N, C-alpha and C. Protein backbone atom coordinates (compact mmCIF):
# COMPACT_ATOMS: atom_id res chain seq x y z
N MET A 1 -98.13 134.50 86.69
CA MET A 1 -97.70 133.73 88.17
C MET A 1 -98.02 132.99 88.69
N ARG A 2 -99.20 133.41 88.84
CA ARG A 2 -100.29 132.28 89.72
C ARG A 2 -99.95 131.06 89.34
N ILE A 3 -99.67 130.52 88.24
CA ILE A 3 -100.05 128.83 87.89
C ILE A 3 -98.86 128.58 87.98
N PHE A 4 -97.39 129.17 87.96
CA PHE A 4 -96.11 128.95 88.68
C PHE A 4 -96.19 128.72 89.60
N LEU A 5 -96.42 129.49 90.84
CA LEU A 5 -97.10 128.95 92.24
C LEU A 5 -97.37 127.17 92.27
N ILE A 6 -99.10 127.54 91.50
CA ILE A 6 -99.38 126.17 91.83
C ILE A 6 -98.65 125.55 91.13
N ALA A 7 -98.23 125.26 89.88
CA ALA A 7 -96.99 124.04 89.43
C ALA A 7 -96.14 124.01 90.37
N ALA A 8 -94.97 124.92 91.19
CA ALA A 8 -94.80 124.31 92.07
C ALA A 8 -94.60 124.31 93.28
N SER A 9 -95.85 124.37 93.47
CA SER A 9 -96.50 124.04 95.30
C SER A 9 -96.82 121.93 94.28
N LEU A 10 -96.87 122.13 93.33
CA LEU A 10 -97.52 120.27 93.07
C LEU A 10 -96.27 119.82 92.81
N LEU A 11 -95.33 120.27 92.67
CA LEU A 11 -94.02 119.80 92.83
C LEU A 11 -93.62 118.85 94.40
N VAL A 12 -93.22 120.04 94.80
CA VAL A 12 -93.50 119.56 95.64
C VAL A 12 -94.26 118.99 96.69
N VAL A 13 -95.21 119.23 96.71
CA VAL A 13 -96.53 118.18 97.28
C VAL A 13 -96.12 116.61 96.36
N ILE A 14 -96.14 116.75 95.33
CA ILE A 14 -95.29 115.45 94.95
C ILE A 14 -94.15 114.53 95.27
N LEU A 15 -93.40 114.89 95.28
CA LEU A 15 -91.69 115.09 96.02
C LEU A 15 -91.72 114.58 97.32
N LEU A 16 -92.42 115.39 98.58
CA LEU A 16 -93.03 115.01 99.69
C LEU A 16 -94.25 113.24 99.51
N LEU A 17 -94.79 113.63 98.64
CA LEU A 17 -95.35 111.96 98.59
C LEU A 17 -94.48 110.67 98.34
N ILE A 18 -93.83 111.13 97.33
CA ILE A 18 -92.78 109.99 97.21
C ILE A 18 -91.58 109.83 98.31
N GLY A 19 -91.22 111.08 98.69
CA GLY A 19 -90.75 110.52 100.62
C GLY A 19 -91.59 110.04 101.54
N LEU A 20 -92.95 110.02 101.14
CA LEU A 20 -93.41 109.39 102.48
C LEU A 20 -93.56 107.95 102.05
N ARG A 21 -92.96 107.47 101.05
CA ARG A 21 -93.02 105.70 100.64
C ARG A 21 -94.43 105.11 101.24
N LEU A 22 -95.53 105.84 100.33
CA LEU A 22 -96.70 105.18 100.11
C LEU A 22 -96.93 104.31 98.79
N SER A 23 -98.40 103.54 99.12
CA SER A 23 -98.77 102.46 98.70
C SER A 23 -99.04 103.29 97.09
N ALA A 24 -99.01 102.64 96.25
CA ALA A 24 -98.94 103.46 94.70
C ALA A 24 -101.09 103.39 95.02
N ALA A 25 -102.33 102.91 95.87
CA ALA A 25 -103.62 103.28 95.87
C ALA A 25 -103.03 105.10 96.99
N GLU A 26 -102.48 104.59 98.00
CA GLU A 26 -102.40 105.91 98.93
C GLU A 26 -101.89 106.82 98.22
N PHE A 27 -101.01 107.10 97.05
CA PHE A 27 -100.40 108.17 96.42
C PHE A 27 -101.07 108.62 95.08
N GLY A 28 -102.33 107.51 94.72
CA GLY A 28 -103.14 108.06 93.81
C GLY A 28 -104.30 108.60 94.13
N ILE A 29 -104.82 108.17 95.36
CA ILE A 29 -105.76 109.03 96.79
C ILE A 29 -105.22 109.98 96.74
N ALA A 30 -104.08 110.27 97.03
CA ALA A 30 -103.45 111.52 97.37
C ALA A 30 -103.45 112.43 95.84
N MET A 31 -103.09 112.19 94.86
CA MET A 31 -103.08 112.75 93.41
C MET A 31 -104.04 113.62 93.15
N LEU A 32 -105.23 112.65 93.48
CA LEU A 32 -107.10 112.64 93.05
C LEU A 32 -107.32 114.24 93.75
N GLY A 33 -107.07 113.88 95.25
CA GLY A 33 -107.31 115.38 95.67
C GLY A 33 -106.58 116.23 95.67
N GLY A 34 -105.37 116.17 95.50
CA GLY A 34 -104.92 117.56 94.79
C GLY A 34 -105.53 118.39 93.55
N ALA A 35 -105.91 117.24 92.46
CA ALA A 35 -106.01 117.77 91.42
C ALA A 35 -107.47 118.11 91.51
N SER A 36 -108.40 118.06 92.84
CA SER A 36 -109.47 118.61 93.15
C SER A 36 -108.89 119.89 93.28
N VAL A 37 -108.21 119.83 94.53
CA VAL A 37 -108.39 121.23 94.77
C VAL A 37 -107.07 122.28 93.53
N VAL A 38 -106.85 121.98 92.66
CA VAL A 38 -106.43 123.09 91.89
C VAL A 38 -107.28 123.19 90.73
N ALA A 39 -108.28 121.83 90.47
CA ALA A 39 -109.57 122.31 89.98
C ALA A 39 -110.06 123.64 90.14
N VAL A 40 -110.49 123.65 92.14
CA VAL A 40 -111.58 124.70 92.96
C VAL A 40 -110.46 125.53 92.35
N VAL A 41 -109.21 125.67 92.70
CA VAL A 41 -108.57 126.88 92.44
C VAL A 41 -108.83 127.87 91.23
N MET A 42 -108.39 126.91 90.01
CA MET A 42 -108.69 127.60 89.12
C MET A 42 -109.83 127.88 88.45
N PHE A 43 -110.39 127.59 88.89
CA PHE A 43 -111.94 128.08 88.61
C PHE A 43 -112.01 128.83 89.21
N PHE A 44 -111.55 129.51 90.30
CA PHE A 44 -112.38 130.79 91.16
C PHE A 44 -111.41 132.20 90.97
N ILE A 45 -110.20 131.40 90.47
CA ILE A 45 -109.25 132.22 89.10
C ILE A 45 -109.91 132.80 88.20
N THR A 46 -110.44 132.05 87.26
CA THR A 46 -110.91 132.57 86.06
C THR A 46 -112.45 133.20 85.84
N ARG A 47 -112.77 132.46 87.32
CA ARG A 47 -114.58 132.95 87.53
C ARG A 47 -114.13 134.86 88.03
N ARG A 48 -113.02 135.01 88.50
CA ARG A 48 -113.14 136.64 89.58
C ARG A 48 -112.40 137.37 87.71
N ARG A 49 -111.51 137.02 87.56
CA ARG A 49 -110.59 137.28 85.91
C ARG A 49 -112.70 137.70 84.79
N TYR A 50 -113.10 136.75 84.60
CA TYR A 50 -113.85 136.68 83.99
C TYR A 50 -115.10 138.27 84.28
N GLN A 51 -115.30 137.86 85.97
CA GLN A 51 -116.17 139.38 86.39
C GLN A 51 -115.57 140.40 86.65
N ARG A 52 -114.14 140.37 86.54
CA ARG A 52 -113.79 141.79 86.50
C ARG A 52 -113.78 142.76 84.79
N MET A 53 -113.68 141.88 84.19
CA MET A 53 -114.03 142.53 82.34
C MET A 53 -114.83 143.28 82.21
N THR A 54 -114.64 144.17 81.48
CA THR A 54 -116.36 144.73 81.14
C THR A 54 -116.89 144.50 79.68
N ASP A 55 -118.22 145.04 79.83
CA ASP A 55 -119.56 144.52 79.08
C ASP A 55 -118.79 144.57 76.97
N ALA A 56 -117.65 145.97 77.61
CA ALA A 56 -117.14 145.34 75.72
C ALA A 56 -116.43 144.51 75.54
N GLU A 57 -115.67 144.60 77.03
CA GLU A 57 -114.12 142.89 76.21
C GLU A 57 -115.09 141.65 76.20
N LYS A 58 -115.97 141.56 77.09
CA LYS A 58 -117.24 140.45 76.93
C LYS A 58 -117.13 140.16 75.72
N ASP A 59 -117.80 141.51 75.23
CA ASP A 59 -118.22 141.09 73.87
C ASP A 59 -117.22 141.00 72.50
N GLU A 60 -116.21 141.82 73.19
CA GLU A 60 -115.28 140.95 71.77
C GLU A 60 -114.66 140.32 71.69
N ARG A 61 -114.61 139.27 72.76
CA ARG A 61 -113.94 138.14 72.90
C ARG A 61 -115.21 136.71 71.63
N GLU A 62 -113.93 136.71 71.08
CA GLU A 62 -114.22 135.23 70.46
C GLU A 62 -113.76 133.95 70.31
N PRO A 63 -114.60 132.75 69.77
CA PRO A 63 -114.25 131.79 70.95
C PRO A 63 -112.93 130.70 69.61
N PRO A 64 -112.16 130.34 69.88
CA PRO A 64 -111.15 129.27 69.10
C PRO A 64 -111.98 129.22 68.03
N THR A 65 -110.82 129.64 66.80
CA THR A 65 -111.31 128.37 66.49
C THR A 65 -110.71 127.83 65.59
N LEU A 66 -111.26 125.96 65.02
CA LEU A 66 -110.31 124.29 64.91
C LEU A 66 -109.38 125.01 63.56
N PRO A 67 -108.02 124.71 63.57
CA PRO A 67 -107.55 125.13 61.97
C PRO A 67 -107.45 124.10 61.20
């Protein structure tokens, strides 16, 4: 559910930035800032999820394999 909220808020922000008629450089800087915020939020979400896992669940995790 959180991922949809993040995606929806990004869409709204992009539409607002387009509506402000920023230059390409300003738009790029704003998008870079937004991407940084999303990266930090996703880091904390995954970190919290990993900390809530039991040791048995952590041991059972298997890394993905390449086909």
